[in-house]
């Protein structure tokens, strides 16, 4: 077997497949799935979101942080 060859499965946007039009910033539990254990937003290349939904997701997370539904930084 050749080195460096591996199968790469294309990631698909969860919001597009479930036909979610608007990401609600008040749903903190759903937004936590897109945060790391340190509280950082998971990038698009890892989460598989499309560009439009990733921008909307980032805005929703930032709004949820602003009204204290999500933490800015997780405790160690």
N, C-alpha and C. Protein backbone atom coordinates (compact mmCIF):
# COMPACT_ATOMS: atom_id res chain seq x y z
N UNK A 1 0.84 -1.19 0.00
CA UNK A 1 0.00 0.00 0.00
C UNK A 1 0.88 1.25 0.00
N UNK A 2 0.49 2.24 -0.76
CA UNK A 2 1.28 3.46 -0.87
C UNK A 2 1.12 4.33 0.36
N UNK A 3 2.18 5.00 0.72
CA UNK A 3 2.12 5.91 1.87
C UNK A 3 1.42 7.20 1.48
N UNK A 4 0.70 7.77 2.43
CA UNK A 4 0.07 9.06 2.21
C UNK A 4 -1.27 9.01 1.50
N UNK A 5 -1.70 7.83 1.09
CA UNK A 5 -2.99 7.72 0.40
C UNK A 5 -4.06 7.34 1.42
N UNK A 6 -5.10 8.12 1.48
CA UNK A 6 -6.20 7.80 2.36
C UNK A 6 -7.50 8.32 1.75
N UNK A 7 -8.59 7.74 2.20
CA UNK A 7 -9.91 8.13 1.70
C UNK A 7 -10.41 9.32 2.50
N UNK A 8 -10.81 10.39 1.82
CA UNK A 8 -11.32 11.59 2.49
C UNK A 8 -12.80 11.72 2.18
N UNK A 9 -13.63 11.58 3.21
CA UNK A 9 -15.07 11.72 3.03
C UNK A 9 -15.44 13.19 3.09
N UNK A 10 -16.20 13.66 2.13
CA UNK A 10 -16.60 15.06 2.08
C UNK A 10 -17.60 15.34 3.20
N UNK A 11 -17.33 16.41 3.96
CA UNK A 11 -18.24 16.79 5.05
C UNK A 11 -19.40 17.59 4.47
N UNK A 12 -20.55 17.43 5.06
CA UNK A 12 -21.73 18.15 4.59
C UNK A 12 -22.26 19.04 5.70
N UNK A 13 -22.86 20.12 5.31
CA UNK A 13 -23.39 21.09 6.27
C UNK A 13 -24.64 20.53 6.93
N UNK A 14 -24.63 20.47 8.25
CA UNK A 14 -25.77 19.94 9.00
C UNK A 14 -27.01 20.83 8.82
N UNK A 15 -26.79 22.13 8.74
CA UNK A 15 -27.91 23.07 8.62
C UNK A 15 -28.57 22.98 7.24
N UNK A 16 -27.78 22.72 6.21
CA UNK A 16 -28.34 22.58 4.86
C UNK A 16 -29.11 21.27 4.74
N UNK A 17 -28.58 20.17 5.30
CA UNK A 17 -29.27 18.89 5.17
C UNK A 17 -30.56 18.86 5.97
N UNK A 18 -30.59 19.53 7.13
CA UNK A 18 -31.81 19.57 7.94
C UNK A 18 -32.72 20.74 7.56
N UNK A 19 -32.30 21.51 6.56
CA UNK A 19 -33.06 22.65 6.03
C UNK A 19 -33.42 23.66 7.13
N UNK A 20 -32.42 24.00 7.94
CA UNK A 20 -32.58 25.01 8.98
C UNK A 20 -32.27 26.37 8.38
N UNK A 21 -33.25 27.25 8.38
CA UNK A 21 -33.09 28.57 7.76
C UNK A 21 -32.35 29.54 8.67
N UNK A 22 -32.68 29.50 9.95
CA UNK A 22 -32.15 30.48 10.89
C UNK A 22 -31.56 29.77 12.10
N UNK A 23 -30.34 30.15 12.50
CA UNK A 23 -29.70 29.56 13.68
C UNK A 23 -30.05 30.43 14.87
N UNK A 24 -30.71 29.84 15.87
CA UNK A 24 -31.21 30.59 17.02
C UNK A 24 -30.11 30.72 18.07
N UNK A 25 -29.77 31.95 18.45
CA UNK A 25 -28.71 32.18 19.43
C UNK A 25 -29.17 31.85 20.85
N UNK A 26 -30.48 31.68 21.06
CA UNK A 26 -30.99 31.38 22.39
C UNK A 26 -30.91 29.88 22.72
N UNK A 27 -30.61 29.06 21.73
CA UNK A 27 -30.48 27.62 21.94
C UNK A 27 -29.01 27.29 22.25
N UNK A 28 -28.63 27.51 23.49
CA UNK A 28 -27.24 27.34 23.91
C UNK A 28 -26.74 25.92 23.81
N UNK A 29 -27.61 24.95 24.05
CA UNK A 29 -27.19 23.55 24.02
C UNK A 29 -26.80 23.13 22.60
N UNK A 30 -27.52 23.59 21.60
CA UNK A 30 -27.19 23.27 20.21
C UNK A 30 -25.90 23.97 19.78
N UNK A 31 -25.68 25.17 20.29
CA UNK A 31 -24.47 25.92 19.92
C UNK A 31 -23.22 25.34 20.58
N UNK A 32 -23.37 24.68 21.72
CA UNK A 32 -22.21 24.08 22.40
C UNK A 32 -21.54 22.99 21.57
N UNK A 33 -22.28 22.38 20.65
CA UNK A 33 -21.70 21.35 19.78
C UNK A 33 -20.66 21.92 18.84
N UNK A 34 -20.67 23.22 18.65
CA UNK A 34 -19.73 23.87 17.74
C UNK A 34 -18.64 24.64 18.48
N UNK A 35 -18.45 24.32 19.76
CA UNK A 35 -17.38 24.92 20.56
C UNK A 35 -16.42 23.85 21.02
N UNK A 36 -15.13 24.20 21.14
CA UNK A 36 -14.16 23.26 21.68
C UNK A 36 -14.29 23.24 23.20
N UNK A 37 -13.52 22.38 23.83
CA UNK A 37 -13.55 22.32 25.29
C UNK A 37 -12.96 23.58 25.92
N UNK A 38 -12.22 24.34 25.15
CA UNK A 38 -11.68 25.62 25.63
C UNK A 38 -12.61 26.80 25.38
N UNK A 39 -13.68 26.57 24.63
CA UNK A 39 -14.64 27.63 24.36
C UNK A 39 -14.44 28.32 23.02
N UNK A 40 -13.56 27.79 22.17
CA UNK A 40 -13.34 28.38 20.85
C UNK A 40 -14.35 27.82 19.85
N UNK A 41 -14.65 28.62 18.84
CA UNK A 41 -15.57 28.19 17.79
C UNK A 41 -14.84 27.22 16.86
N UNK A 42 -15.46 26.07 16.60
CA UNK A 42 -14.84 25.06 15.73
C UNK A 42 -14.84 25.59 14.29
N UNK A 43 -13.70 25.52 13.60
CA UNK A 43 -13.63 26.06 12.25
C UNK A 43 -14.46 25.25 11.24
N UNK A 44 -14.72 25.88 10.15
CA UNK A 44 -15.57 25.34 9.11
C UNK A 44 -15.00 24.07 8.49
N UNK A 45 -13.70 24.00 8.34
CA UNK A 45 -13.09 22.82 7.71
C UNK A 45 -13.23 21.57 8.58
N UNK A 46 -13.42 21.76 9.89
CA UNK A 46 -13.59 20.63 10.79
C UNK A 46 -15.08 20.31 10.98
N UNK A 47 -15.90 21.34 11.15
CA UNK A 47 -17.33 21.10 11.40
C UNK A 47 -18.07 20.69 10.13
N UNK A 48 -17.58 21.12 8.97
CA UNK A 48 -18.21 20.75 7.70
C UNK A 48 -19.34 21.67 7.29
N UNK A 49 -19.50 22.79 7.98
CA UNK A 49 -20.56 23.74 7.62
C UNK A 49 -20.22 24.47 6.33
N UNK A 50 -21.26 24.93 5.64
CA UNK A 50 -21.02 25.76 4.47
C UNK A 50 -20.66 27.17 4.96
N UNK A 51 -20.16 28.01 4.08
CA UNK A 51 -19.66 29.32 4.47
C UNK A 51 -20.76 30.20 5.07
N UNK A 52 -21.91 30.20 4.47
CA UNK A 52 -23.01 31.04 4.95
C UNK A 52 -23.48 30.64 6.33
N UNK A 53 -23.63 29.34 6.55
CA UNK A 53 -24.08 28.88 7.85
C UNK A 53 -22.99 29.04 8.91
N UNK A 54 -21.73 28.92 8.52
CA UNK A 54 -20.64 29.12 9.49
C UNK A 54 -20.62 30.56 9.97
N UNK A 55 -20.85 31.51 9.06
CA UNK A 55 -20.90 32.92 9.47
C UNK A 55 -22.08 33.17 10.40
N UNK A 56 -23.23 32.59 10.06
CA UNK A 56 -24.42 32.76 10.90
C UNK A 56 -24.22 32.09 12.26
N UNK A 57 -23.55 30.95 12.28
CA UNK A 57 -23.27 30.24 13.52
C UNK A 57 -22.34 31.05 14.41
N UNK A 58 -21.30 31.64 13.83
CA UNK A 58 -20.37 32.45 14.61
C UNK A 58 -21.08 33.66 15.22
N UNK A 59 -21.95 34.29 14.46
CA UNK A 59 -22.71 35.43 14.97
C UNK A 59 -23.63 35.00 16.11
N UNK A 60 -24.28 33.84 15.96
CA UNK A 60 -25.17 33.34 17.00
C UNK A 60 -24.40 33.02 18.28
N UNK A 61 -23.22 32.43 18.15
CA UNK A 61 -22.39 32.12 19.33
C UNK A 61 -21.95 33.40 20.02
N UNK A 62 -21.56 34.39 19.26
CA UNK A 62 -21.13 35.66 19.85
C UNK A 62 -22.28 36.38 20.55
N UNK A 63 -23.48 36.29 19.99
CA UNK A 63 -24.64 36.89 20.64
C UNK A 63 -24.99 36.15 21.93
N UNK A 64 -24.89 34.82 21.90
CA UNK A 64 -25.18 34.01 23.09
C UNK A 64 -24.16 34.29 24.19
N UNK A 65 -22.92 34.54 23.81
CA UNK A 65 -21.91 34.91 24.80
C UNK A 65 -22.21 36.27 25.40
N UNK A 66 -22.71 37.17 24.58
CA UNK A 66 -23.00 38.52 25.04
C UNK A 66 -24.09 38.57 26.10
N UNK A 67 -25.06 37.66 26.01
CA UNK A 67 -26.13 37.65 27.02
C UNK A 67 -25.93 36.51 28.02
N UNK A 68 -24.71 35.99 28.11
CA UNK A 68 -24.26 35.02 29.12
C UNK A 68 -24.97 33.66 29.03
N UNK A 69 -25.36 33.24 27.83
CA UNK A 69 -25.86 31.88 27.65
C UNK A 69 -24.71 30.90 27.43
N UNK A 70 -23.62 31.42 26.86
CA UNK A 70 -22.41 30.62 26.64
C UNK A 70 -21.23 31.35 27.27
N UNK A 71 -20.25 30.61 27.77
CA UNK A 71 -19.07 31.25 28.35
C UNK A 71 -18.10 31.70 27.25
N UNK A 72 -17.34 32.73 27.56
CA UNK A 72 -16.28 33.14 26.64
C UNK A 72 -15.13 32.15 26.69
N UNK A 73 -14.79 31.70 27.92
CA UNK A 73 -13.71 30.76 28.13
C UNK A 73 -14.19 29.70 29.10
N UNK A 74 -13.88 28.44 28.82
CA UNK A 74 -14.23 27.36 29.74
C UNK A 74 -13.21 27.27 30.85
N UNK A 75 -13.66 26.87 32.03
CA UNK A 75 -12.76 26.67 33.15
C UNK A 75 -11.95 25.39 32.94
N UNK A 76 -10.72 25.38 33.41
CA UNK A 76 -9.88 24.19 33.25
C UNK A 76 -10.18 23.17 34.27
